[in-house]
PDB file of all heavy atoms in Angstrom:
ATOM      1  N   GLU A   1       0.709  -2.111  11.997  1.00  0.00           N
ATOM      2  CA  GLU A   1       1.251  -3.399  12.365  1.00  0.00           C
ATOM      3  C   GLU A   1       0.407  -4.324  13.307  1.00  0.00           C
ATOM      4  O   GLU A   1       0.769  -4.864  14.371  1.00  0.00           O
ATOM      5  CB  GLU A   1       2.688  -3.126  13.126  1.00  0.00           C
ATOM      6  CG  GLU A   1       3.624  -2.419  12.152  1.00  0.00           C
ATOM      7  CD  GLU A   1       4.775  -1.876  12.903  1.00  0.00           C
ATOM      8  OE1 GLU A   1       4.886  -1.939  14.052  1.00  0.00           O
ATOM      9  OE2 GLU A   1       5.663  -1.164  12.167  1.00  0.00           O
ATOM     10  N   ALA A   2      -0.868  -4.360  12.929  1.00  0.00           N
ATOM     11  CA  ALA A   2      -1.837  -5.137  13.782  1.00  0.00           C
ATOM     12  C   ALA A   2      -1.419  -6.557  13.866  1.00  0.00           C
ATOM     13  O   ALA A   2      -0.874  -7.237  12.876  1.00  0.00           O
ATOM     14  CB  ALA A   2      -3.225  -4.992  13.031  1.00  0.00           C
ATOM     15  N   ARG A   3      -1.617  -7.139  14.993  1.00  0.00           N
ATOM     16  CA  ARG A   3      -1.288  -8.508  15.222  1.00  0.00           C
ATOM     17  C   ARG A   3      -2.412  -9.464  15.149  1.00  0.00           C
ATOM     18  O   ARG A   3      -2.426 -10.651  15.688  1.00  0.00           O
ATOM     19  CB  ARG A   3      -0.474  -8.673  16.512  1.00  0.00           C
ATOM     20  CG  ARG A   3       0.787  -7.761  16.558  1.00  0.00           C
ATOM     21  CD  ARG A   3       1.729  -8.147  17.648  1.00  0.00           C
ATOM     22  NE  ARG A   3       2.983  -7.288  17.503  1.00  0.00           N
ATOM     23  CZ  ARG A   3       4.140  -7.538  18.165  1.00  0.00           C
ATOM     24  NH1 ARG A   3       4.137  -8.476  18.903  1.00  0.00           N
ATOM     25  NH2 ARG A   3       5.123  -6.682  17.946  1.00  0.00           N
ATOM     26  N   GLY A   4      -3.466  -9.006  14.549  1.00  0.00           N
ATOM     27  CA  GLY A   4      -4.631  -9.822  14.198  1.00  0.00           C
ATOM     28  C   GLY A   4      -4.492 -10.441  12.754  1.00  0.00           C
ATOM     29  O   GLY A   4      -3.455 -10.492  12.274  1.00  0.00           O
ATOM     30  N   GLU A   5      -5.614 -10.928  12.197  1.00  0.00           N
ATOM     31  CA  GLU A   5      -5.510 -11.444  10.943  1.00  0.00           C
ATOM     32  C   GLU A   5      -5.235 -10.443   9.811  1.00  0.00           C
ATOM     33  O   GLU A   5      -5.749  -9.309   9.898  1.00  0.00           O
ATOM     34  CB  GLU A   5      -6.881 -12.171  10.542  1.00  0.00           C
ATOM     35  CG  GLU A   5      -7.076 -13.427  11.396  1.00  0.00           C
ATOM     36  CD  GLU A   5      -6.075 -14.474  11.140  1.00  0.00           C
ATOM     37  OE1 GLU A   5      -5.735 -14.716   9.964  1.00  0.00           O
ATOM     38  OE2 GLU A   5      -5.643 -15.074  12.120  1.00  0.00           O
ATOM     39  N   PRO A   6      -4.445 -10.780   8.746  1.00  0.00           N
ATOM     40  CA  PRO A   6      -4.263  -9.867   7.676  1.00  0.00           C
ATOM     41  C   PRO A   6      -5.564  -9.476   6.972  1.00  0.00           C
ATOM     42  O   PRO A   6      -6.522 -10.227   6.984  1.00  0.00           O
ATOM     43  CB  PRO A   6      -3.313 -10.667   6.731  1.00  0.00           C
ATOM     44  CG  PRO A   6      -2.794 -11.733   7.503  1.00  0.00           C
ATOM     45  CD  PRO A   6      -3.756 -12.178   8.548  1.00  0.00           C
ATOM     46  N   GLN A   7      -5.576  -8.232   6.607  1.00  0.00           N
ATOM     47  CA  GLN A   7      -6.781  -7.622   5.917  1.00  0.00           C
ATOM     48  C   GLN A   7      -6.440  -6.856   4.633  1.00  0.00           C
ATOM     49  O   GLN A   7      -5.171  -6.555   4.441  1.00  0.00           O
ATOM     50  CB  GLN A   7      -7.487  -6.706   6.953  1.00  0.00           C
ATOM     51  CG  GLN A   7      -7.899  -7.245   8.187  1.00  0.00           C
ATOM     52  CD  GLN A   7      -9.114  -8.205   8.029  1.00  0.00           C
ATOM     53  OE1 GLN A   7      -9.818  -8.371   7.017  1.00  0.00           O
ATOM     54  NE2 GLN A   7      -9.293  -9.114   9.123  1.00  0.00           N
ATOM     55  N   HIS A   8      -7.270  -6.420   3.893  1.00  0.00           N
ATOM     56  CA  HIS A   8      -7.129  -5.611   2.704  1.00  0.00           C
ATOM     57  C   HIS A   8      -7.251  -4.126   3.185  1.00  0.00           C
ATOM     58  O   HIS A   8      -8.243  -3.490   2.902  1.00  0.00           O
ATOM     59  CB  HIS A   8      -8.189  -5.976   1.602  1.00  0.00           C
ATOM     60  CG  HIS A   8      -7.912  -7.306   0.961  1.00  0.00           C
ATOM     61  ND1 HIS A   8      -6.997  -7.563   0.019  1.00  0.00           N
ATOM     62  CD2 HIS A   8      -8.476  -8.566   1.180  1.00  0.00           C
ATOM     63  CE1 HIS A   8      -6.987  -8.756  -0.394  1.00  0.00           C
ATOM     64  NE2 HIS A   8      -7.859  -9.391   0.381  1.00  0.00           N
ATOM     65  N   TYR A   9      -6.180  -3.776   3.812  1.00  0.00           N
ATOM     66  CA  TYR A   9      -6.233  -2.310   4.297  1.00  0.00           C
ATOM     67  C   TYR A   9      -6.156  -1.300   3.139  1.00  0.00           C
ATOM     68  O   TYR A   9      -5.331  -1.442   2.261  1.00  0.00           O
ATOM     69  CB  TYR A   9      -5.072  -2.104   5.328  1.00  0.00           C
ATOM     70  CG  TYR A   9      -5.209  -2.869   6.667  1.00  0.00           C
ATOM     71  CD1 TYR A   9      -4.561  -4.058   6.899  1.00  0.00           C
ATOM     72  CD2 TYR A   9      -6.038  -2.252   7.656  1.00  0.00           C
ATOM     73  CE1 TYR A   9      -4.737  -4.747   8.073  1.00  0.00           C
ATOM     74  CE2 TYR A   9      -6.243  -2.963   8.845  1.00  0.00           C
ATOM     75  CZ  TYR A   9      -5.561  -4.112   9.037  1.00  0.00           C
ATOM     76  OH  TYR A   9      -5.718  -4.770  10.209  1.00  0.00           O
ATOM     77  N   VAL A  10      -7.019  -0.330   3.272  1.00  0.00           N
ATOM     78  CA  VAL A  10      -7.082   0.705   2.204  1.00  0.00           C
ATOM     79  C   VAL A  10      -5.736   1.471   2.206  1.00  0.00           C
ATOM     80  O   VAL A  10      -5.195   1.736   1.149  1.00  0.00           O
ATOM     81  CB  VAL A  10      -8.214   1.704   2.510  1.00  0.00           C
ATOM     82  CG1 VAL A  10      -8.099   2.970   1.529  1.00  0.00           C
ATOM     83  CG2 VAL A  10      -9.525   0.960   2.203  1.00  0.00           C
ATOM     84  N   SER A  11      -5.167   1.780   3.347  1.00  0.00           N
ATOM     85  CA  SER A  11      -3.932   2.557   3.335  1.00  0.00           C
ATOM     86  C   SER A  11      -2.730   1.740   2.737  1.00  0.00           C
ATOM     87  O   SER A  11      -1.879   2.314   2.077  1.00  0.00           O
ATOM     88  CB  SER A  11      -3.485   2.833   4.793  1.00  0.00           C
ATOM     89  OG  SER A  11      -3.261   1.733   5.602  1.00  0.00           O
ATOM     90  N   SER A  12      -2.740   0.365   2.842  1.00  0.00           N
ATOM     91  CA  SER A  12      -1.647  -0.410   2.279  1.00  0.00           C
ATOM     92  C   SER A  12      -1.888  -0.473   0.748  1.00  0.00           C
ATOM     93  O   SER A  12      -0.850  -0.393   0.024  1.00  0.00           O
ATOM     94  CB  SER A  12      -1.823  -1.831   2.762  1.00  0.00           C
ATOM     95  OG  SER A  12      -1.488  -1.878   4.199  1.00  0.00           O
ATOM     96  N   LYS A  13      -3.147  -0.509   0.280  1.00  0.00           N
ATOM     97  CA  LYS A  13      -3.395  -0.384  -1.167  1.00  0.00           C
ATOM     98  C   LYS A  13      -2.982   0.970  -1.645  1.00  0.00           C
ATOM     99  O   LYS A  13      -2.281   1.135  -2.751  1.00  0.00           O
ATOM    100  CB  LYS A  13      -4.863  -0.716  -1.520  1.00  0.00           C
ATOM    101  CG  LYS A  13      -5.504  -1.877  -0.930  1.00  0.00           C
ATOM    102  CD  LYS A  13      -4.991  -3.093  -1.593  1.00  0.00           C
ATOM    103  CE  LYS A  13      -5.846  -4.330  -0.953  1.00  0.00           C
ATOM    104  NZ  LYS A  13      -5.337  -5.686  -1.356  1.00  0.00           N
ATOM    105  N   LEU A  14      -3.295   2.000  -0.978  1.00  0.00           N
ATOM    106  CA  LEU A  14      -2.943   3.356  -1.286  1.00  0.00           C
ATOM    107  C   LEU A  14      -1.356   3.558  -1.424  1.00  0.00           C
ATOM    108  O   LEU A  14      -0.912   4.078  -2.401  1.00  0.00           O
ATOM    109  CB  LEU A  14      -3.417   4.348  -0.212  1.00  0.00           C
ATOM    110  CG  LEU A  14      -2.953   5.766  -0.264  1.00  0.00           C
ATOM    111  CD1 LEU A  14      -3.531   6.486  -1.455  1.00  0.00           C
ATOM    112  CD2 LEU A  14      -3.177   6.501   1.026  1.00  0.00           C
ATOM    113  N   MET A  15      -0.638   2.886  -0.509  1.00  0.00           N
ATOM    114  CA  MET A  15       0.850   3.035  -0.516  1.00  0.00           C
ATOM    115  C   MET A  15       1.378   2.184  -1.730  1.00  0.00           C
ATOM    116  O   MET A  15       2.443   2.553  -2.260  1.00  0.00           O
ATOM    117  CB  MET A  15       1.431   2.652   0.736  1.00  0.00           C
ATOM    118  CG  MET A  15       1.052   3.528   1.852  1.00  0.00           C
ATOM    119  SD  MET A  15       1.369   5.304   1.664  1.00  0.00           S
ATOM    120  CE  MET A  15       3.197   5.314   1.969  1.00  0.00           C
ATOM    121  N   CYS A  16       0.672   1.066  -2.134  1.00  0.00           N
ATOM    122  CA  CYS A  16       1.142   0.416  -3.253  1.00  0.00           C
ATOM    123  C   CYS A  16       0.847   1.267  -4.552  1.00  0.00           C
ATOM    124  O   CYS A  16       1.685   1.251  -5.502  1.00  0.00           O
ATOM    125  CB  CYS A  16       0.473  -0.923  -3.450  1.00  0.00           C
ATOM    126  SG  CYS A  16       1.026  -2.192  -2.192  1.00  0.00           S
ATOM    127  N   TRP A  17      -0.305   1.931  -4.539  1.00  0.00           N
ATOM    128  CA  TRP A  17      -0.520   2.847  -5.681  1.00  0.00           C
ATOM    129  C   TRP A  17       0.541   3.942  -5.740  1.00  0.00           C
ATOM    130  O   TRP A  17       1.138   4.204  -6.824  1.00  0.00           O
ATOM    131  CB  TRP A  17      -1.877   3.582  -5.552  1.00  0.00           C
ATOM    132  CG  TRP A  17      -1.986   4.729  -6.308  1.00  0.00           C
ATOM    133  CD1 TRP A  17      -2.292   4.866  -7.601  1.00  0.00           C
ATOM    134  CD2 TRP A  17      -1.751   6.124  -5.865  1.00  0.00           C
ATOM    135  NE1 TRP A  17      -2.328   6.147  -8.089  1.00  0.00           N
ATOM    136  CE2 TRP A  17      -1.975   6.932  -7.003  1.00  0.00           C
ATOM    137  CE3 TRP A  17      -1.393   6.754  -4.682  1.00  0.00           C
ATOM    138  CZ2 TRP A  17      -1.827   8.381  -6.888  1.00  0.00           C
ATOM    139  CZ3 TRP A  17      -1.234   8.058  -4.580  1.00  0.00           C
ATOM    140  CH2 TRP A  17      -1.360   8.904  -5.708  1.00  0.00           C
ATOM    141  N   LEU A  18       0.942   4.476  -4.574  1.00  0.00           N
ATOM    142  CA  LEU A  18       1.997   5.437  -4.518  1.00  0.00           C
ATOM    143  C   LEU A  18       3.292   4.903  -4.984  1.00  0.00           C
ATOM    144  O   LEU A  18       4.035   5.593  -5.737  1.00  0.00           O
ATOM    145  CB  LEU A  18       2.218   5.874  -3.003  1.00  0.00           C
ATOM    146  CG  LEU A  18       3.112   7.027  -2.761  1.00  0.00           C
ATOM    147  CD1 LEU A  18       2.547   8.333  -3.374  1.00  0.00           C
ATOM    148  CD2 LEU A  18       3.442   7.226  -1.295  1.00  0.00           C
ATOM    149  N   ALA A  19       3.674   3.633  -4.652  1.00  0.00           N
ATOM    150  CA  ALA A  19       4.923   3.052  -5.090  1.00  0.00           C
ATOM    151  C   ALA A  19       5.005   3.044  -6.632  1.00  0.00           C
ATOM    152  O   ALA A  19       6.041   3.409  -7.235  1.00  0.00           O
ATOM    153  CB  ALA A  19       5.123   1.685  -4.540  1.00  0.00           C
ATOM    154  N   MET A  20       4.016   2.497  -7.273  1.00  0.00           N
ATOM    155  CA  MET A  20       3.974   2.449  -8.731  1.00  0.00           C
ATOM    156  C   MET A  20       3.810   3.741  -9.437  1.00  0.00           C
ATOM    157  O   MET A  20       4.383   4.039 -10.517  1.00  0.00           O
ATOM    158  CB  MET A  20       2.963   1.420  -9.150  1.00  0.00           C
ATOM    159  CG  MET A  20       3.369   0.028  -8.763  1.00  0.00           C
ATOM    160  SD  MET A  20       2.213  -1.283  -9.064  1.00  0.00           S
ATOM    161  CE  MET A  20       1.021  -1.109  -7.813  1.00  0.00           C
ATOM    162  N   ASP A  21       3.028   4.740  -8.832  1.00  0.00           N
ATOM    163  CA  ASP A  21       2.943   6.049  -9.349  1.00  0.00           C
ATOM    164  C   ASP A  21       4.319   6.687  -9.375  1.00  0.00           C
ATOM    165  O   ASP A  21       4.841   7.296 -10.287  1.00  0.00           O
ATOM    166  CB  ASP A  21       1.889   6.877  -8.586  1.00  0.00           C
ATOM    167  CG  ASP A  21       1.820   8.299  -9.109  1.00  0.00           C
ATOM    168  OD1 ASP A  21       1.133   8.472 -10.128  1.00  0.00           O
ATOM    169  OD2 ASP A  21       2.366   9.178  -8.408  1.00  0.00           O
ATOM    170  N   ARG A  22       4.897   6.622  -8.196  1.00  0.00           N
ATOM    171  CA  ARG A  22       6.326   7.300  -8.049  1.00  0.00           C
ATOM    172  C   ARG A  22       7.315   6.631  -8.902  1.00  0.00           C
ATOM    173  O   ARG A  22       8.220   7.270  -9.504  1.00  0.00           O
ATOM    174  CB  ARG A  22       6.770   7.282  -6.605  1.00  0.00           C
ATOM    175  CG  ARG A  22       5.914   8.223  -5.623  1.00  0.00           C
ATOM    176  CD  ARG A  22       5.214   9.321  -6.215  1.00  0.00           C
ATOM    177  NE  ARG A  22       4.691  10.236  -5.177  1.00  0.00           N
ATOM    178  CZ  ARG A  22       3.461  10.723  -5.264  1.00  0.00           C
ATOM    179  NH1 ARG A  22       2.649  10.331  -6.213  1.00  0.00           N
ATOM    180  NH2 ARG A  22       3.032  11.507  -4.242  1.00  0.00           N
ATOM    181  N   ALA A  23       7.254   5.240  -8.957  1.00  0.00           N
ATOM    182  CA  ALA A  23       8.260   4.538  -9.837  1.00  0.00           C
ATOM    183  C   ALA A  23       8.037   4.930 -11.295  1.00  0.00           C
ATOM    184  O   ALA A  23       9.100   5.072 -12.069  1.00  0.00           O
ATOM    185  CB  ALA A  23       8.029   3.080  -9.663  1.00  0.00           C
ATOM    186  N   SER A  24       6.878   5.146 -11.769  1.00  0.00           N
ATOM    187  CA  SER A  24       6.586   5.599 -13.097  1.00  0.00           C
ATOM    188  C   SER A  24       7.206   6.870 -13.448  1.00  0.00           C
ATOM    189  O   SER A  24       7.835   7.118 -14.389  1.00  0.00           O
ATOM    190  CB  SER A  24       5.018   5.574 -13.346  1.00  0.00           C
ATOM    191  OG  SER A  24       4.757   6.107 -14.704  1.00  0.00           O
ATOM    192  N   ARG A  25       7.093   7.847 -12.483  1.00  0.00           N
ATOM    193  CA  ARG A  25       7.682   9.156 -12.582  1.00  0.00           C
ATOM    194  C   ARG A  25       9.222   9.098 -12.718  1.00  0.00           C
ATOM    195  O   ARG A  25       9.918   9.767 -13.412  1.00  0.00           O
ATOM    196  CB  ARG A  25       7.149  10.051 -11.573  1.00  0.00           C
ATOM    197  CG  ARG A  25       5.644  10.362 -11.532  1.00  0.00           C
ATOM    198  CD  ARG A  25       5.240  10.972 -10.308  1.00  0.00           C
ATOM    199  NE  ARG A  25       3.749  11.045 -10.211  1.00  0.00           N
ATOM    200  CZ  ARG A  25       3.015  11.994 -10.338  1.00  0.00           C
ATOM    201  NH1 ARG A  25       3.518  13.166 -10.627  1.00  0.00           N
ATOM    202  NH2 ARG A  25       1.659  11.943 -10.233  1.00  0.00           N
ATOM    203  N   LEU A  26       9.753   8.246 -11.742  1.00  0.00           N
ATOM    204  CA  LEU A  26      11.257   8.015 -11.764  1.00  0.00           C
ATOM    205  C   LEU A  26      11.769   7.371 -12.988  1.00  0.00           C
ATOM    206  O   LEU A  26      12.779   7.768 -13.501  1.00  0.00           O
ATOM    207  CB  LEU A  26      11.642   7.229 -10.493  1.00  0.00           C
ATOM    208  CG  LEU A  26      11.504   7.960  -9.174  1.00  0.00           C
ATOM    209  CD1 LEU A  26      11.490   6.968  -7.958  1.00  0.00           C
ATOM    210  CD2 LEU A  26      12.626   8.959  -8.983  1.00  0.00           C
TER     211      LEU A  26
END
């Protein structure tokens, strides 16, 4: 929850991958 400028955080991309991977399984 950084209060600086938005960035392309790896962990955020990772969690988007997780969302679609888990959605596919569901």
